[in-house]
């Protein structure tokens, strides 16, 4: 056997041995990870619930919320689109808390400034305030999105007009549908962002009933679960207001 053949054979033996060792090592690591994953899954599912989610998951969402709120900039806008880019057939994102009809002659937006102090504001009064158009990419937690066109009064301008300056210093705003079956809590910085509007028009027409007539929230920095329809009551708090989907395990902040 020549020297070249000897070293070639020796190299193959070493390579085969190293390959087998790597295979065994990889299999052991894979087995350990699978076992660890099974134990982690069992441990997680045995944890107590917290606001509709398992406690470790809720804690993770709360950490994410703190990070997002600490970096939120009220001057930063969601991407603005041209009106021509907006869809004509706007998808309906849920009907929870929606009544079949609303009589606007009787409807009033109840704004609770404090205990025993509630404003009752008609749609006609809201429509006298400066109107802003918002064309943005509406995003749903279900995974779909649409460029949509809405119009109404900026929430910040609305609060300024009704001298809700003390309320703006609080941490949260709570909103309830007319029938109180749907409700959201929103951090005040997001509520005061310039694109957040009390909306009464869609595609230059009054809101359709299934899109929240007579008044809904449009808040482009949040997912669709925060865009409450048929608003009946508004109030303010330093404590997180109840939130329909957060109670069912979803992210309270729901920011984009």
C-alpha atoms as a PDB file:
ATOM      1  CA  UNK A   1       0.000   0.000   0.000  1.00  0.00           C
ATOM      2  CA  UNK A   2       1.372   3.391  -0.940  1.00  0.00           C
ATOM      3  CA  UNK A   3       1.684   6.228   1.543  1.00  0.00           C
ATOM      4  CA  UNK A   4      -1.031   8.146  -0.256  1.00  0.00           C
ATOM      5  CA  UNK A   5      -3.504   5.236   0.055  1.00  0.00           C
ATOM      6  CA  UNK A   6      -2.677   4.787   3.739  1.00  0.00           C
ATOM      7  CA  UNK A   7      -3.346   8.425   4.616  1.00  0.00           C
ATOM      8  CA  UNK A   8      -6.493   8.468   2.466  1.00  0.00           C
ATOM      9  CA  UNK A   9      -7.868   5.413   4.307  1.00  0.00           C
ATOM     10  CA  UNK A  10      -6.893   6.900   7.672  1.00  0.00           C
ATOM     11  CA  UNK A  11      -8.628  10.195   6.801  1.00  0.00           C
ATOM     12  CA  UNK A  12     -11.838   8.370   5.886  1.00  0.00           C
ATOM     13  CA  UNK A  13     -11.799   6.440   9.178  1.00  0.00           C
ATOM     14  CA  UNK A  14     -11.336   9.664  11.149  1.00  0.00           C
ATOM     15  CA  UNK A  15     -14.054  11.419   9.128  1.00  0.00           C
ATOM     16  CA  UNK A  16     -16.512   8.546   9.655  1.00  0.00           C
ATOM     17  CA  UNK A  17     -15.797   8.470  13.396  1.00  0.00           C
ATOM     18  CA  UNK A  18     -16.251  12.225  13.716  1.00  0.00           C
ATOM     19  CA  UNK A  19     -19.468  12.044  11.717  1.00  0.00           C
ATOM     20  CA  UNK A  20     -20.896   9.331  13.985  1.00  0.00           C
ATOM     21  CA  UNK A  21     -19.960  11.342  17.071  1.00  0.00           C
ATOM     22  CA  UNK A  22     -21.691  14.429  15.674  1.00  0.00           C
ATOM     23  CA  UNK A  23     -24.778  12.394  14.855  1.00  0.00           C
ATOM     24  CA  UNK A  24     -24.950  10.925  18.372  1.00  0.00           C
ATOM     25  CA  UNK A  25     -24.371  14.349  19.940  1.00  0.00           C
ATOM     26  CA  UNK A  26     -27.049  15.950  17.775  1.00  0.00           C
ATOM     27  CA  UNK A  27     -29.528  13.197  18.606  1.00  0.00           C
ATOM     28  CA  UNK A  28     -28.862  13.622  22.343  1.00  0.00           C
ATOM     29  CA  UNK A  29     -29.363  17.380  22.129  1.00  0.00           C
ATOM     30  CA  UNK A  30     -32.578  16.898  20.142  1.00  0.00           C
ATOM     31  CA  UNK A  31     -33.870  14.389  22.697  1.00  0.00           C
ATOM     32  CA  UNK A  32     -33.068  16.713  25.612  1.00  0.00           C
ATOM     33  CA  UNK A  33     -34.824  19.625  23.904  1.00  0.00           C
ATOM     34  CA  UNK A  34     -37.925  17.534  23.179  1.00  0.00           C
ATOM     35  CA  UNK A  35     -38.103  16.344  26.810  1.00  0.00           C
ATOM     36  CA  UNK A  36     -37.534  19.898  28.078  1.00  0.00           C
ATOM     37  CA  UNK A  37     -40.255  21.177  25.743  1.00  0.00           C
ATOM     38  CA  UNK A  38     -42.741  18.597  27.022  1.00  0.00           C
ATOM     39  CA  UNK A  39     -42.005  19.478  30.659  1.00  0.00           C
ATOM     40  CA  UNK A  40     -42.208  23.224  29.879  1.00  0.00           C
ATOM     41  CA  UNK A  41     -45.557  22.759  28.127  1.00  0.00           C
ATOM     42  CA  UNK A  42     -46.957  20.766  31.057  1.00  0.00           C
ATOM     43  CA  UNK A  43     -45.632  23.336  33.543  1.00  0.00           C
ATOM     44  CA  UNK A  44     -47.132  26.222  31.560  1.00  0.00           C
ATOM     45  CA  UNK A  45     -50.545  24.588  31.320  1.00  0.00           C
ATOM     46  CA  UNK A  46     -50.583  24.029  35.079  1.00  0.00           C
ATOM     47  CA  UNK A  47     -50.041  27.722  35.847  1.00  0.00           C
ATOM     48  CA  UNK A  48     -52.930  29.830  37.196  1.00  0.00           C
ATOM     49  CA  UNK A  49     -54.893  32.113  34.914  1.00  0.00           C
ATOM     50  CA  UNK A  50     -54.522  35.879  34.909  1.00  0.00           C
ATOM     51  CA  UNK A  51     -57.044  38.027  32.974  1.00  0.00           C
ATOM     52  CA  UNK A  52     -57.901  35.273  30.536  1.00  0.00           C
ATOM     53  CA  UNK A  53     -54.312  34.143  29.889  1.00  0.00           C
ATOM     54  CA  UNK A  54     -51.919  31.841  31.712  1.00  0.00           C
ATOM     55  CA  UNK A  55     -49.980  33.897  34.242  1.00  0.00           C
ATOM     56  CA  UNK A  56     -46.508  33.602  32.593  1.00  0.00           C
ATOM     57  CA  UNK A  57     -48.003  34.634  29.237  1.00  0.00           C
ATOM     58  CA  UNK A  58     -49.789  37.594  30.799  1.00  0.00           C
ATOM     59  CA  UNK A  59     -46.550  38.676  32.486  1.00  0.00           C
ATOM     60  CA  UNK A  60     -44.792  38.517  29.115  1.00  0.00           C
ATOM     61  CA  UNK A  61     -47.504  40.691  27.543  1.00  0.00           C
ATOM     62  CA  UNK A  62     -47.148  43.191  30.386  1.00  0.00           C
ATOM     63  CA  UNK A  63     -43.379  43.399  29.885  1.00  0.00           C
ATOM     64  CA  UNK A  64     -43.947  44.005  26.158  1.00  0.00           C
ATOM     65  CA  UNK A  65     -46.488  46.707  27.047  1.00  0.00           C
ATOM     66  CA  UNK A  66     -43.984  48.511  29.286  1.00  0.00           C
ATOM     67  CA  UNK A  67     -41.367  48.463  26.539  1.00  0.00           C
ATOM     68  CA  UNK A  68     -43.800  49.769  23.919  1.00  0.00           C
ATOM     69  CA  UNK A  69     -45.252  52.503  26.122  1.00  0.00           C
ATOM     70  CA  UNK A  70     -41.784  53.684  27.104  1.00  0.00           C
ATOM     71  CA  UNK A  71     -40.856  54.200  23.441  1.00  0.00           C
ATOM     72  CA  UNK A  72     -44.221  55.500  22.152  1.00  0.00           C
ATOM     73  CA  UNK A  73     -44.013  58.908  20.475  1.00  0.00           C
ATOM     74  CA  UNK A  74     -47.322  60.814  20.159  1.00  0.00           C
ATOM     75  CA  UNK A  75     -45.870  62.899  17.323  1.00  0.00           C
ATOM     76  CA  UNK A  76     -45.131  59.838  15.195  1.00  0.00           C
ATOM     77  CA  UNK A  77     -47.932  59.029  12.753  1.00  0.00           C
ATOM     78  CA  UNK A  78     -49.064  55.778  11.238  1.00  0.00           C
ATOM     79  CA  UNK A  79     -48.388  55.634   7.504  1.00  0.00           C
ATOM     80  CA  UNK A  80     -50.760  57.917   5.593  1.00  0.00           C
ATOM     81  CA  UNK A  81     -52.301  56.749   2.310  1.00  0.00           C
ATOM     82  CA  UNK A  82     -54.042  58.591  -0.511  1.00  0.00           C
ATOM     83  CA  UNK A  83     -57.841  58.492  -0.556  1.00  0.00           C
ATOM     84  CA  UNK A  84     -57.741  56.711  -3.937  1.00  0.00           C
ATOM     85  CA  UNK A  85     -55.951  53.792  -2.250  1.00  0.00           C
ATOM     86  CA  UNK A  86     -58.826  53.172   0.179  1.00  0.00           C
ATOM     87  CA  UNK A  87     -61.068  50.168  -0.446  1.00  0.00           C
ATOM     88  CA  UNK A  88     -64.762  50.694  -1.223  1.00  0.00           C
ATOM     89  CA  UNK A  89     -65.948  47.496   0.458  1.00  0.00           C
ATOM     90  CA  UNK A  90     -64.673  47.831   4.010  1.00  0.00           C
ATOM     91  CA  UNK A  91     -64.482  44.594   5.928  1.00  0.00           C
ATOM     92  CA  UNK A  92     -66.510  44.345   9.145  1.00  0.00           C
ATOM     93  CA  UNK A  93     -64.333  43.393  12.102  1.00  0.00           C
ATOM     94  CA  UNK A  94     -66.829  42.008  14.580  1.00  0.00           C
ATOM     95  CA  UNK A  95     -70.371  42.754  15.704  1.00  0.00           C
ATOM     96  CA  UNK A  96     -70.041  42.270  19.466  1.00  0.00           C
ATOM     97  CA  UNK A  97     -71.865  45.029  21.326  1.00  0.00           C
ATOM     98  CA  UNK A  98     -73.717  46.217  18.241  1.00  0.00           C
ATOM     99  CA  UNK A  99     -77.419  47.025  18.395  1.00  0.00           C
ATOM    100  CA  UNK A 100     -79.432  46.675  15.195  1.00  0.00           C
ATOM    101  CA  UNK A 101     -80.532  50.309  15.132  1.00  0.00           C
ATOM    102  CA  UNK A 102     -79.584  53.501  16.932  1.00  0.00           C
ATOM    103  CA  UNK A 103     -81.926  56.478  17.110  1.00  0.00           C
ATOM    104  CA  UNK A 104     -79.607  59.478  16.897  1.00  0.00           C
ATOM    105  CA  UNK A 105     -82.358  61.825  18.073  1.00  0.00           C
ATOM    106  CA  UNK A 106     -82.128  60.063  21.436  1.00  0.00           C
ATOM    107  CA  UNK A 107     -78.477  58.927  21.346  1.00  0.00           C
ATOM    108  CA  UNK A 108     -75.984  60.886  23.390  1.00  0.00           C
ATOM    109  CA  UNK A 109     -72.303  60.297  24.036  1.00  0.00           C
ATOM    110  CA  UNK A 110     -71.960  60.146  27.812  1.00  0.00           C
ATOM    111  CA  UNK A 111     -68.650  61.667  28.896  1.00  0.00           C
ATOM    112  CA  UNK A 112     -68.044  60.969  32.582  1.00  0.00           C
ATOM    113  CA  UNK A 113     -65.768  63.735  33.827  1.00  0.00           C
ATOM    114  CA  UNK A 114     -66.021  62.537  37.407  1.00  0.00           C
ATOM    115  CA  UNK A 115     -68.441  61.115  39.925  1.00  0.00           C
ATOM    116  CA  UNK A 116     -71.814  62.785  39.423  1.00  0.00           C
ATOM    117  CA  UNK A 117     -70.473  64.891  36.533  1.00  0.00           C
ATOM    118  CA  UNK A 118     -71.441  63.590  33.096  1.00  0.00           C
ATOM    119  CA  UNK A 119     -71.713  65.430  29.788  1.00  0.00           C
ATOM    120  CA  UNK A 120     -74.373  64.321  27.297  1.00  0.00           C
ATOM    121  CA  UNK A 121     -73.247  65.203  23.776  1.00  0.00           C
ATOM    122  CA  UNK A 122     -75.294  64.713  20.597  1.00  0.00           C
ATOM    123  CA  UNK A 123     -73.941  63.644  17.231  1.00  0.00           C
ATOM    124  CA  UNK A 124     -74.918  67.029  15.799  1.00  0.00           C
ATOM    125  CA  UNK A 125     -72.732  68.741  18.397  1.00  0.00           C
ATOM    126  CA  UNK A 126     -69.797  66.462  17.588  1.00  0.00           C
ATOM    127  CA  UNK A 127     -70.196  67.154  13.871  1.00  0.00           C
ATOM    128  CA  UNK A 128     -69.769  70.910  14.451  1.00  0.00           C
ATOM    129  CA  UNK A 129     -66.175  70.347  15.592  1.00  0.00           C
ATOM    130  CA  UNK A 130     -63.257  70.460  13.110  1.00  0.00           C
ATOM    131  CA  UNK A 131     -63.268  67.287  11.008  1.00  0.00           C
ATOM    132  CA  UNK A 132     -60.175  65.316   9.988  1.00  0.00           C
ATOM    133  CA  UNK A 133     -59.828  62.558   7.397  1.00  0.00           C
ATOM    134  CA  UNK A 134     -57.731  59.504   8.270  1.00  0.00           C
ATOM    135  CA  UNK A 135     -56.622  57.079   5.549  1.00  0.00           C
ATOM    136  CA  UNK A 136     -54.510  54.257   6.959  1.00  0.00           C
ATOM    137  CA  UNK A 137     -53.881  50.507   6.849  1.00  0.00           C
ATOM    138  CA  UNK A 138     -56.446  49.026   9.250  1.00  0.00           C
ATOM    139  CA  UNK A 139     -54.898  45.900  10.805  1.00  0.00           C
ATOM    140  CA  UNK A 140     -56.773  43.078  12.488  1.00  0.00           C
ATOM    141  CA  UNK A 141     -55.333  40.543  14.919  1.00  0.00           C
ATOM    142  CA  UNK A 142     -56.825  37.864  12.646  1.00  0.00           C
ATOM    143  CA  UNK A 143     -54.068  38.702  10.163  1.00  0.00           C
ATOM    144  CA  UNK A 144     -55.847  40.758   7.496  1.00  0.00           C
ATOM    145  CA  UNK A 145     -55.482  44.455   6.715  1.00  0.00           C
ATOM    146  CA  UNK A 146     -57.132  47.059   4.478  1.00  0.00           C
ATOM    147  CA  UNK A 147     -56.381  50.648   3.528  1.00  0.00           C
ATOM    148  CA  UNK A 148     -59.516  52.446   4.712  1.00  0.00           C
ATOM    149  CA  UNK A 149     -60.855  56.011   4.728  1.00  0.00           C
ATOM    150  CA  UNK A 150     -62.544  57.497   7.811  1.00  0.00           C
ATOM    151  CA  UNK A 151     -63.424  60.964   9.079  1.00  0.00           C
ATOM    152  CA  UNK A 152     -64.385  62.571  12.353  1.00  0.00           C
ATOM    153  CA  UNK A 153     -63.116  64.812  15.123  1.00  0.00           C
ATOM    154  CA  UNK A 154     -59.669  64.138  16.599  1.00  0.00           C
ATOM    155  CA  UNK A 155     -60.124  62.867  20.142  1.00  0.00           C
ATOM    156  CA  UNK A 156     -57.564  65.381  21.414  1.00  0.00           C
ATOM    157  CA  UNK A 157     -59.496  68.271  19.831  1.00  0.00           C
ATOM    158  CA  UNK A 158     -62.742  66.889  21.257  1.00  0.00           C
ATOM    159  CA  UNK A 159     -61.282  66.737  24.761  1.00  0.00           C
ATOM    160  CA  UNK A 160     -59.820  70.213  24.432  1.00  0.00           C
ATOM    161  CA  UNK A 161     -63.168  71.631  23.240  1.00  0.00           C
ATOM    162  CA  UNK A 162     -64.962  70.222  26.273  1.00  0.00           C
ATOM    163  CA  UNK A 163     -62.181  71.348  28.629  1.00  0.00           C
ATOM    164  CA  UNK A 164     -61.176  67.827  29.595  1.00  0.00           C
ATOM    165  CA  UNK A 165     -57.663  68.954  30.458  1.00  0.00           C
ATOM    166  CA  UNK A 166     -57.480  67.333  33.885  1.00  0.00           C
ATOM    167  CA  UNK A 167     -58.723  64.074  32.381  1.00  0.00           C
ATOM    168  CA  UNK A 168     -55.892  64.170  29.824  1.00  0.00           C
ATOM    169  CA  UNK A 169     -53.371  63.896  32.654  1.00  0.00           C
ATOM    170  CA  UNK A 170     -54.782  60.527  33.704  1.00  0.00           C
ATOM    171  CA  UNK A 171     -53.305  57.270  32.434  1.00  0.00           C
ATOM    172  CA  UNK A 172     -56.250  55.712  30.591  1.00  0.00           C
ATOM    173  CA  UNK A 173     -59.474  56.360  28.767  1.00  0.00           C
ATOM    174  CA  UNK A 174     -62.287  53.812  28.941  1.00  0.00           C
ATOM    175  CA  UNK A 175     -64.949  53.397  26.250  1.00  0.00           C
ATOM    176  CA  UNK A 176     -68.134  51.307  26.260  1.00  0.00           C
ATOM    177  CA  UNK A 177     -70.586  50.497  23.495  1.00  0.00           C
ATOM    178  CA  UNK A 178     -74.177  51.711  23.866  1.00  0.00           C
ATOM    179  CA  UNK A 179     -75.299  48.315  25.175  1.00  0.00           C
ATOM    180  CA  UNK A 180     -72.095  48.022  27.296  1.00  0.00           C
ATOM    181  CA  UNK A 181     -71.401  44.563  25.889  1.00  0.00           C
ATOM    182  CA  UNK A 182     -68.152  45.717  24.263  1.00  0.00           C
ATOM    183  CA  UNK A 183     -65.590  47.850  26.058  1.00  0.00           C
ATOM    184  CA  UNK A 184     -61.966  48.877  25.693  1.00  0.00           C
ATOM    185  CA  UNK A 185     -59.271  50.561  27.729  1.00  0.00           C
ATOM    186  CA  UNK A 186     -56.662  52.693  25.960  1.00  0.00           C
ATOM    187  CA  UNK A 187     -53.505  54.314  27.276  1.00  0.00           C
ATOM    188  CA  UNK A 188     -53.851  58.093  27.197  1.00  0.00           C
ATOM    189  CA  UNK A 189     -50.784  58.815  24.982  1.00  0.00           C
ATOM    190  CA  UNK A 190     -52.259  56.622  22.218  1.00  0.00           C
ATOM    191  CA  UNK A 191     -55.689  58.190  22.682  1.00  0.00           C
ATOM    192  CA  UNK A 192     -54.219  61.674  22.246  1.00  0.00           C
ATOM    193  CA  UNK A 193     -52.189  60.786  19.145  1.00  0.00           C
ATOM    194  CA  UNK A 194     -53.262  63.132  16.332  1.00  0.00           C
ATOM    195  CA  UNK A 195     -54.750  60.420  14.086  1.00  0.00           C
ATOM    196  CA  UNK A 196     -57.077  59.053  16.777  1.00  0.00           C
ATOM    197  CA  UNK A 197     -60.597  60.221  15.925  1.00  0.00           C
ATOM    198  CA  UNK A 198     -64.170  59.929  17.084  1.00  0.00           C
ATOM    199  CA  UNK A 199     -65.374  58.771  13.694  1.00  0.00           C
ATOM    200  CA  UNK A 200     -68.803  59.355  12.119  1.00  0.00           C
ATOM    201  CA  UNK A 201     -67.984  58.989   8.403  1.00  0.00           C
ATOM    202  CA  UNK A 202     -66.580  56.225   6.191  1.00  0.00           C
ATOM    203  CA  UNK A 203     -65.696  56.865   2.540  1.00  0.00           C
ATOM    204  CA  UNK A 204     -67.275  60.348   2.760  1.00  0.00           C
ATOM    205  CA  UNK A 205     -70.634  58.952   3.923  1.00  0.00           C
ATOM    206  CA  UNK A 206     -72.219  58.475   7.364  1.00  0.00           C
ATOM    207  CA  UNK A 207     -71.022  55.326   9.089  1.00  0.00           C
ATOM    208  CA  UNK A 208     -73.015  52.231   8.144  1.00  0.00           C
ATOM    209  CA  UNK A 209     -74.757  50.575  11.069  1.00  0.00           C
ATOM    210  CA  UNK A 210     -72.399  47.559  10.942  1.00  0.00           C
ATOM    211  CA  UNK A 211     -69.376  49.878  11.062  1.00  0.00           C
ATOM    212  CA  UNK A 212     -70.399  51.537  14.303  1.00  0.00           C
ATOM    213  CA  UNK A 213     -73.045  54.153  13.545  1.00  0.00           C
ATOM    214  CA  UNK A 214     -73.382  56.760  14.918  1.00  0.00           C
ATOM    215  CA  UNK A 215     -69.898  57.000  16.436  1.00  0.00           C
ATOM    216  CA  UNK A 216     -66.872  54.740  16.648  1.00  0.00           C
ATOM    217  CA  UNK A 217     -63.205  55.033  17.483  1.00  0.00           C
ATOM    218  CA  UNK A 218     -60.482  54.986  14.840  1.00  0.00           C
ATOM    219  CA  UNK A 219     -57.017  54.668  16.377  1.00  0.00           C
ATOM    220  CA  UNK A 220     -54.374  53.804  13.729  1.00  0.00           C
ATOM    221  CA  UNK A 221     -51.655  52.984  16.279  1.00  0.00           C
ATOM    222  CA  UNK A 222     -53.724  50.026  17.557  1.00  0.00           C
ATOM    223  CA  UNK A 223     -55.082  46.763  16.200  1.00  0.00           C
ATOM    224  CA  UNK A 224     -58.756  46.589  15.245  1.00  0.00           C
ATOM    225  CA  UNK A 225     -59.849  45.167  18.625  1.00  0.00           C
ATOM    226  CA  UNK A 226     -59.440  48.679  20.078  1.00  0.00           C
ATOM    227  CA  UNK A 227     -61.535  50.424  17.394  1.00  0.00           C
ATOM    228  CA  UNK A 228     -64.763  50.215  19.403  1.00  0.00           C
ATOM    229  CA  UNK A 229     -68.071  50.790  17.570  1.00  0.00           C
ATOM    230  CA  UNK A 230     -71.308  52.447  18.668  1.00  0.00           C
ATOM    231  CA  UNK A 231     -69.644  54.313  21.500  1.00  0.00           C
ATOM    232  CA  UNK A 232     -72.039  55.124  24.313  1.00  0.00           C
ATOM    233  CA  UNK A 233     -69.830  56.054  27.263  1.00  0.00           C
ATOM    234  CA  UNK A 234     -66.389  57.593  27.750  1.00  0.00           C
ATOM    235  CA  UNK A 235     -64.597  57.848  31.090  1.00  0.00           C
ATOM    236  CA  UNK A 236     -61.086  58.357  32.470  1.00  0.00           C
ATOM    237  CA  UNK A 237     -58.916  56.602  35.056  1.00  0.00           C
ATOM    238  CA  UNK A 238     -55.430  56.031  36.402  1.00  0.00           C
ATOM    239  CA  UNK A 239     -56.278  52.336  36.659  1.00  0.00           C
ATOM    240  CA  UNK A 240     -56.628  50.134  33.585  1.00  0.00           C
ATOM    241  CA  UNK A 241     -60.299  50.109  32.528  1.00  0.00           C
ATOM    242  CA  UNK A 242     -61.876  46.725  31.710  1.00  0.00           C
ATOM    243  CA  UNK A 243     -61.114  45.534  28.180  1.00  0.00           C
ATOM    244  CA  UNK A 244     -63.208  42.907  26.383  1.00  0.00           C
ATOM    245  CA  UNK A 245     -60.423  41.052  24.563  1.00  0.00           C
ATOM    246  CA  UNK A 246     -57.795  41.483  27.278  1.00  0.00           C
ATOM    247  CA  UNK A 247     -60.178  39.627  29.586  1.00  0.00           C
ATOM    248  CA  UNK A 248     -60.087  36.801  27.049  1.00  0.00           C
ATOM    249  CA  UNK A 249     -56.321  36.487  26.994  1.00  0.00           C
ATOM    250  CA  UNK A 250     -55.309  39.060  24.384  1.00  0.00           C
ATOM    251  CA  UNK A 251     -52.755  41.833  24.700  1.00  0.00           C
ATOM    252  CA  UNK A 252     -54.187  44.836  26.587  1.00  0.00           C
ATOM    253  CA  UNK A 253     -51.943  47.337  24.805  1.00  0.00           C
ATOM    254  CA  UNK A 254     -52.616  45.965  21.288  1.00  0.00           C
ATOM    255  CA  UNK A 255     -50.219  48.478  19.740  1.00  0.00           C
ATOM    256  CA  UNK A 256     -48.660  48.418  16.296  1.00  0.00           C
END
